[in-house]
N, C-alpha and C. Protein backbone atom coordinates (compact mmCIF):
# COMPACT_ATOMS: atom_id res chain seq x y z
N GLY A 1 99.51 2.11 33.15
CA GLY A 1 100.39 2.88 34.01
C GLY A 1 99.64 3.40 35.23
N ARG A 2 100.39 3.65 36.29
CA ARG A 2 99.77 4.16 37.50
C ARG A 2 99.46 5.64 37.35
N GLU A 3 98.49 6.10 38.13
CA GLU A 3 98.14 7.52 38.13
C GLU A 3 99.37 8.33 38.53
N PHE A 4 99.57 9.46 37.88
CA PHE A 4 100.65 10.36 38.28
C PHE A 4 100.42 10.79 39.73
N GLY A 5 101.47 10.68 40.53
CA GLY A 5 101.37 11.13 41.92
C GLY A 5 100.85 10.06 42.86
N SER A 6 100.55 8.86 42.35
CA SER A 6 99.98 7.84 43.23
C SER A 6 101.00 7.35 44.25
N GLU A 7 102.28 7.56 43.97
CA GLU A 7 103.30 7.15 44.93
C GLU A 7 103.56 8.24 45.98
N PHE A 8 102.94 9.39 45.80
CA PHE A 8 103.10 10.48 46.76
C PHE A 8 102.41 10.12 48.07
N GLU A 9 103.09 10.37 49.19
CA GLU A 9 102.60 9.90 50.48
C GLU A 9 101.46 10.75 51.03
N GLY A 10 101.31 11.95 50.52
CA GLY A 10 100.33 12.87 51.11
C GLY A 10 98.90 12.52 50.72
N MET A 11 98.00 13.43 51.05
CA MET A 11 96.59 13.25 50.77
C MET A 11 96.32 13.56 49.29
N SER A 12 95.20 13.07 48.79
CA SER A 12 94.84 13.29 47.39
C SER A 12 93.51 14.03 47.32
N TYR A 13 93.45 15.06 46.50
CA TYR A 13 92.25 15.89 46.39
C TYR A 13 91.92 16.10 44.92
N PRO A 14 90.64 16.31 44.60
CA PRO A 14 90.29 16.58 43.20
C PRO A 14 90.77 17.96 42.74
N THR A 15 91.03 18.07 41.45
CA THR A 15 91.40 19.36 40.87
C THR A 15 90.18 20.29 40.86
N LEU A 16 90.40 21.55 41.22
CA LEU A 16 89.33 22.54 41.26
C LEU A 16 89.52 23.52 40.11
N THR A 17 88.45 23.78 39.35
CA THR A 17 88.47 24.87 38.37
C THR A 17 88.12 26.15 39.12
N ALA A 18 89.13 26.95 39.40
CA ALA A 18 88.95 28.15 40.22
C ALA A 18 88.36 29.31 39.41
N TYR A 19 88.64 29.31 38.11
CA TYR A 19 88.14 30.37 37.24
C TYR A 19 88.11 29.84 35.82
N ASP A 20 87.07 30.23 35.07
CA ASP A 20 86.98 29.84 33.66
C ASP A 20 86.18 30.92 32.95
N GLY A 21 86.87 31.79 32.23
CA GLY A 21 86.16 32.87 31.54
C GLY A 21 87.06 33.59 30.56
N GLY A 22 86.48 34.04 29.47
CA GLY A 22 87.22 34.84 28.50
C GLY A 22 88.41 34.13 27.89
N GLY A 23 88.37 32.81 27.83
CA GLY A 23 89.47 32.07 27.24
C GLY A 23 90.58 31.72 28.21
N VAL A 24 90.43 32.16 29.47
CA VAL A 24 91.43 31.86 30.49
C VAL A 24 90.82 30.91 31.51
N LYS A 25 91.57 29.85 31.85
CA LYS A 25 91.11 28.90 32.86
C LYS A 25 92.18 28.81 33.94
N VAL A 26 91.73 28.74 35.20
CA VAL A 26 92.64 28.58 36.33
C VAL A 26 92.28 27.29 37.05
N LEU A 27 93.25 26.38 37.14
CA LEU A 27 93.04 25.11 37.82
C LEU A 27 93.88 25.06 39.09
N PHE A 28 93.29 24.57 40.17
CA PHE A 28 94.02 24.40 41.42
C PHE A 28 94.18 22.90 41.71
N ASP A 29 95.41 22.48 41.96
CA ASP A 29 95.66 21.15 42.50
C ASP A 29 96.19 21.33 43.92
N PHE A 30 95.83 20.41 44.81
CA PHE A 30 96.09 20.57 46.24
C PHE A 30 96.98 19.45 46.76
N GLU A 31 97.82 19.82 47.74
CA GLU A 31 98.67 18.86 48.41
C GLU A 31 98.71 19.21 49.89
N LYS A 32 98.64 18.19 50.73
CA LYS A 32 98.86 18.38 52.16
C LYS A 32 99.78 17.28 52.63
N THR A 33 100.71 17.62 53.52
CA THR A 33 101.64 16.61 54.00
C THR A 33 100.91 15.61 54.88
N ASP A 34 99.93 16.07 55.63
CA ASP A 34 99.08 15.14 56.38
C ASP A 34 97.73 15.81 56.62
N ALA A 35 96.73 15.01 56.96
CA ALA A 35 95.36 15.50 57.04
C ALA A 35 95.18 16.57 58.11
N ASN A 36 96.03 16.56 59.14
CA ASN A 36 95.87 17.51 60.24
C ASN A 36 96.64 18.81 60.04
N SER A 37 97.41 18.88 58.98
CA SER A 37 98.20 20.08 58.73
C SER A 37 97.29 21.28 58.48
N LEU A 38 97.66 22.44 59.01
CA LEU A 38 96.90 23.66 58.76
C LEU A 38 97.29 24.31 57.45
N THR A 39 98.33 23.79 56.80
CA THR A 39 98.80 24.37 55.54
C THR A 39 98.42 23.48 54.35
N THR A 40 97.84 24.11 53.34
CA THR A 40 97.53 23.45 52.07
C THR A 40 98.41 24.08 51.00
N VAL A 41 99.09 23.24 50.23
CA VAL A 41 99.87 23.72 49.09
C VAL A 41 98.96 23.67 47.87
N ILE A 42 98.84 24.82 47.20
CA ILE A 42 98.02 24.91 45.99
C ILE A 42 98.95 25.11 44.80
N MET A 43 98.85 24.21 43.82
CA MET A 43 99.55 24.40 42.57
C MET A 43 98.55 24.96 41.58
N ALA A 44 98.71 26.23 41.24
CA ALA A 44 97.78 26.90 40.32
C ALA A 44 98.34 26.81 38.90
N THR A 45 97.47 26.41 37.96
CA THR A 45 97.83 26.38 36.55
C THR A 45 96.88 27.30 35.80
N PHE A 46 97.45 28.24 35.06
CA PHE A 46 96.68 29.20 34.27
C PHE A 46 96.83 28.79 32.80
N LYS A 47 95.70 28.68 32.09
CA LYS A 47 95.73 28.21 30.70
C LYS A 47 95.06 29.23 29.79
N ASN A 48 95.66 29.45 28.64
CA ASN A 48 95.13 30.37 27.64
C ASN A 48 94.67 29.58 26.42
N SER A 49 93.37 29.64 26.12
CA SER A 49 92.86 28.95 24.93
C SER A 49 92.60 29.92 23.78
N LEU A 50 92.96 31.20 23.96
CA LEU A 50 92.68 32.22 22.95
C LEU A 50 93.67 32.14 21.80
N PRO A 51 93.30 32.71 20.62
CA PRO A 51 94.23 32.73 19.49
C PRO A 51 95.33 33.77 19.65
N ASP A 52 95.26 34.60 20.69
CA ASP A 52 96.28 35.63 20.94
C ASP A 52 97.07 35.28 22.19
N PRO A 53 98.37 35.64 22.22
CA PRO A 53 99.12 35.49 23.46
C PRO A 53 98.64 36.52 24.50
N LEU A 54 98.81 36.19 25.76
CA LEU A 54 98.47 37.10 26.86
C LEU A 54 99.77 37.54 27.52
N ASN A 55 100.01 38.85 27.53
CA ASN A 55 101.26 39.39 28.06
C ASN A 55 101.05 40.05 29.41
N ASP A 56 102.16 40.24 30.14
CA ASP A 56 102.13 40.86 31.47
C ASP A 56 101.09 40.19 32.36
N PHE A 57 101.03 38.86 32.28
CA PHE A 57 100.01 38.11 33.01
C PHE A 57 100.36 38.10 34.49
N LEU A 58 99.37 38.43 35.31
CA LEU A 58 99.59 38.55 36.75
C LEU A 58 98.33 38.10 37.48
N CYS A 59 98.51 37.31 38.52
CA CYS A 59 97.39 36.92 39.37
C CYS A 59 97.66 37.38 40.79
N LYS A 60 96.80 38.25 41.30
CA LYS A 60 96.89 38.68 42.70
C LYS A 60 95.81 37.94 43.48
N VAL A 61 96.12 37.64 44.73
CA VAL A 61 95.21 36.83 45.53
C VAL A 61 94.98 37.50 46.87
N ALA A 62 93.72 37.59 47.27
CA ALA A 62 93.36 38.11 48.60
C ALA A 62 92.66 37.00 49.37
N VAL A 63 92.96 36.89 50.67
CA VAL A 63 92.31 35.90 51.51
C VAL A 63 91.76 36.58 52.76
N PRO A 64 90.74 35.98 53.40
CA PRO A 64 90.21 36.56 54.64
C PRO A 64 91.23 36.47 55.78
N ARG A 65 90.92 37.18 56.88
CA ARG A 65 91.89 37.33 57.97
C ARG A 65 92.28 36.02 58.66
N HIS A 66 91.41 35.00 58.59
CA HIS A 66 91.75 33.76 59.29
C HIS A 66 92.72 32.88 58.50
N LEU A 67 93.16 33.38 57.34
CA LEU A 67 94.10 32.63 56.50
C LEU A 67 95.37 33.45 56.25
N ASP A 68 96.48 32.74 56.12
CA ASP A 68 97.74 33.35 55.68
C ASP A 68 98.07 32.78 54.31
N LEU A 69 98.61 33.62 53.44
CA LEU A 69 98.93 33.18 52.09
C LEU A 69 100.35 33.59 51.73
N VAL A 70 101.11 32.64 51.22
CA VAL A 70 102.44 32.92 50.68
C VAL A 70 102.44 32.44 49.23
N ILE A 71 102.73 33.35 48.30
CA ILE A 71 102.70 33.02 46.87
C ILE A 71 104.12 32.98 46.32
N GLY A 72 104.43 31.90 45.62
CA GLY A 72 105.72 31.79 44.96
C GLY A 72 105.73 32.55 43.64
N PRO A 73 106.89 32.64 43.00
CA PRO A 73 106.98 33.36 41.72
C PRO A 73 106.25 32.61 40.61
N ALA A 74 105.73 33.36 39.67
CA ALA A 74 105.07 32.75 38.51
C ALA A 74 106.13 32.18 37.57
N SER A 75 105.77 31.12 36.85
CA SER A 75 106.72 30.48 35.94
C SER A 75 106.99 31.32 34.70
N THR A 76 106.07 32.24 34.36
CA THR A 76 106.23 33.08 33.18
C THR A 76 105.27 34.26 33.31
N GLU A 77 105.47 35.29 32.49
CA GLU A 77 104.52 36.41 32.45
C GLU A 77 103.75 36.43 31.14
N THR A 78 104.06 35.48 30.24
CA THR A 78 103.40 35.43 28.94
C THR A 78 102.77 34.06 28.75
N LEU A 79 101.47 34.05 28.47
CA LEU A 79 100.79 32.81 28.11
C LEU A 79 100.65 32.81 26.59
N ARG A 80 101.38 31.90 25.93
CA ARG A 80 101.31 31.90 24.47
C ARG A 80 99.91 31.50 24.02
N SER A 81 99.61 31.76 22.76
CA SER A 81 98.27 31.50 22.24
C SER A 81 97.98 30.01 22.19
N ARG A 82 96.69 29.68 22.24
CA ARG A 82 96.19 28.31 22.04
C ARG A 82 96.91 27.28 22.89
N GLY A 83 96.81 27.42 24.19
CA GLY A 83 97.32 26.37 25.06
C GLY A 83 98.50 26.76 25.94
N GLY A 84 98.92 28.02 25.90
CA GLY A 84 100.01 28.45 26.77
C GLY A 84 99.61 28.35 28.23
N THR A 85 100.58 27.97 29.07
CA THR A 85 100.29 27.84 30.49
C THR A 85 101.32 28.55 31.35
N MET A 86 100.89 28.88 32.55
CA MET A 86 101.76 29.43 33.59
C MET A 86 101.42 28.68 34.87
N THR A 87 102.43 28.42 35.69
CA THR A 87 102.16 27.79 36.97
C THR A 87 102.68 28.66 38.10
N GLN A 88 102.03 28.51 39.25
CA GLN A 88 102.40 29.30 40.43
C GLN A 88 101.96 28.52 41.66
N THR A 89 102.82 28.47 42.67
CA THR A 89 102.51 27.74 43.88
C THR A 89 102.09 28.70 44.99
N MET A 90 101.06 28.33 45.73
CA MET A 90 100.58 29.13 46.85
C MET A 90 100.50 28.24 48.09
N ASN A 91 100.98 28.75 49.21
CA ASN A 91 100.83 28.06 50.49
C ASN A 91 99.76 28.78 51.29
N LEU A 92 98.67 28.08 51.55
CA LEU A 92 97.52 28.66 52.26
C LEU A 92 97.45 28.02 53.64
N THR A 93 97.55 28.85 54.68
CA THR A 93 97.60 28.32 56.05
C THR A 93 96.50 28.92 56.90
N ARG A 94 95.78 28.04 57.59
CA ARG A 94 94.80 28.51 58.58
C ARG A 94 95.55 28.95 59.82
N LYS A 95 95.18 30.11 60.37
CA LYS A 95 95.83 30.57 61.60
C LYS A 95 95.38 29.75 62.80
N ARG A 96 94.17 29.20 62.74
CA ARG A 96 93.66 28.33 63.80
C ARG A 96 92.88 27.21 63.15
N SER A 97 92.78 26.10 63.85
CA SER A 97 92.00 24.98 63.30
C SER A 97 90.56 25.11 63.78
N ASP A 98 89.93 26.22 63.37
CA ASP A 98 88.56 26.49 63.83
C ASP A 98 87.50 26.09 62.81
N GLY A 99 87.93 25.43 61.74
CA GLY A 99 86.97 24.92 60.77
C GLY A 99 86.38 25.96 59.84
N LYS A 100 86.87 27.21 59.92
CA LYS A 100 86.37 28.22 58.98
C LYS A 100 86.75 27.81 57.56
N PRO A 101 85.85 28.05 56.60
CA PRO A 101 86.11 27.56 55.24
C PRO A 101 87.26 28.31 54.57
N LEU A 102 87.92 27.61 53.66
CA LEU A 102 88.92 28.24 52.81
C LEU A 102 88.22 29.07 51.75
N LYS A 103 88.71 30.29 51.54
CA LYS A 103 88.21 31.06 50.41
C LYS A 103 89.23 32.10 50.00
N MET A 104 89.15 32.52 48.76
CA MET A 104 90.08 33.53 48.26
C MET A 104 89.44 34.26 47.09
N ARG A 105 89.98 35.44 46.82
CA ARG A 105 89.57 36.22 45.65
C ARG A 105 90.78 36.38 44.74
N LEU A 106 90.56 36.07 43.47
CA LEU A 106 91.62 36.21 42.47
C LEU A 106 91.39 37.49 41.68
N LEU A 107 92.46 38.22 41.44
CA LEU A 107 92.45 39.34 40.50
C LEU A 107 93.45 38.97 39.41
N ILE A 108 92.92 38.75 38.21
CA ILE A 108 93.74 38.32 37.08
C ILE A 108 93.86 39.50 36.12
N GLU A 109 95.11 39.86 35.80
CA GLU A 109 95.36 40.99 34.91
C GLU A 109 96.29 40.53 33.80
N TYR A 110 96.00 41.00 32.58
CA TYR A 110 96.89 40.70 31.47
C TYR A 110 96.60 41.67 30.33
N LYS A 111 97.48 41.63 29.32
CA LYS A 111 97.26 42.42 28.12
C LYS A 111 97.03 41.47 26.95
N ARG A 112 95.96 41.74 26.21
CA ARG A 112 95.65 40.97 24.99
C ARG A 112 95.57 41.94 23.83
N GLY A 113 96.50 41.78 22.89
CA GLY A 113 96.52 42.69 21.76
C GLY A 113 96.70 44.14 22.19
N GLY A 114 97.49 44.36 23.24
CA GLY A 114 97.75 45.71 23.73
C GLY A 114 96.66 46.26 24.64
N ARG A 115 95.54 45.54 24.80
CA ARG A 115 94.43 46.03 25.63
C ARG A 115 94.51 45.36 27.01
N ALA A 116 94.39 46.18 28.05
CA ALA A 116 94.46 45.66 29.41
C ALA A 116 93.14 44.99 29.79
N VAL A 117 93.22 43.83 30.39
CA VAL A 117 92.05 43.08 30.84
C VAL A 117 92.21 42.79 32.33
N ARG A 118 91.11 42.97 33.07
CA ARG A 118 91.10 42.63 34.50
C ARG A 118 89.88 41.76 34.78
N GLU A 119 90.11 40.65 35.45
CA GLU A 119 89.01 39.76 35.83
C GLU A 119 89.14 39.45 37.31
N THR A 120 88.02 39.34 38.00
CA THR A 120 88.06 38.89 39.39
C THR A 120 87.22 37.63 39.53
N ALA A 121 87.61 36.81 40.48
CA ALA A 121 86.88 35.58 40.74
C ALA A 121 86.95 35.25 42.23
N ASP A 122 85.82 34.92 42.83
CA ASP A 122 85.80 34.43 44.19
C ASP A 122 85.84 32.92 44.15
N VAL A 123 86.78 32.34 44.89
CA VAL A 123 86.93 30.90 44.94
C VAL A 123 86.49 30.44 46.32
N THR A 124 85.38 29.69 46.35
CA THR A 124 84.84 29.23 47.64
C THR A 124 84.63 27.73 47.67
N ASP A 125 84.63 27.08 46.50
CA ASP A 125 84.26 25.66 46.46
C ASP A 125 85.48 24.74 46.57
N PHE A 126 86.30 24.99 47.60
CA PHE A 126 87.45 24.13 47.88
C PHE A 126 86.95 22.76 48.35
N PRO A 127 87.74 21.70 48.11
CA PRO A 127 87.35 20.39 48.64
C PRO A 127 87.11 20.48 50.15
N ALA A 128 86.06 19.81 50.60
CA ALA A 128 85.58 19.98 51.98
C ALA A 128 86.60 19.55 53.03
N ASP A 129 87.45 18.58 52.68
CA ASP A 129 88.34 18.03 53.71
C ASP A 129 89.72 18.67 53.72
N LEU A 130 89.88 19.80 53.04
CA LEU A 130 91.18 20.49 53.09
C LEU A 130 91.38 21.15 54.44
C-alpha cells in the first residue's frame, strides 16, 4: 500500500517528537500548502502511556513575537490509560519571511489520580525547511 498522505499535494515533513516525559508524548506532524507559505499547519498528537487516565488535559503554547499562533479546540480533555490520545491543530505563521527560526514553549497541565501535574517544554528542533 502507498504511504498515508502520499496523494496529498503539499510538502512532506518528518514527524517531530516535541515532548516525551512522565509517560506523556507529544508528536507534531506538519503540513504546508506550498513551500513559500508563511503558515505551517501543525497537527499535534498527545499520547498517554501511563496506567492511569489523565484528566483535565490542557496544552498551552507560547511563541516569540515574530510568530502568530492560532490553536484549534482539543479533541478531548481526557487521555485514557495505556494509549489514550488527544489531537489538536495549530496554525503557526511567520509575520515576515525573515528566516527567523520557528520555536515555541509548551505548558502541559493535567490531573493524574487527582494530583495536578505541570510540565513545560521548549520546542526548537523544527524541520529546517518549514
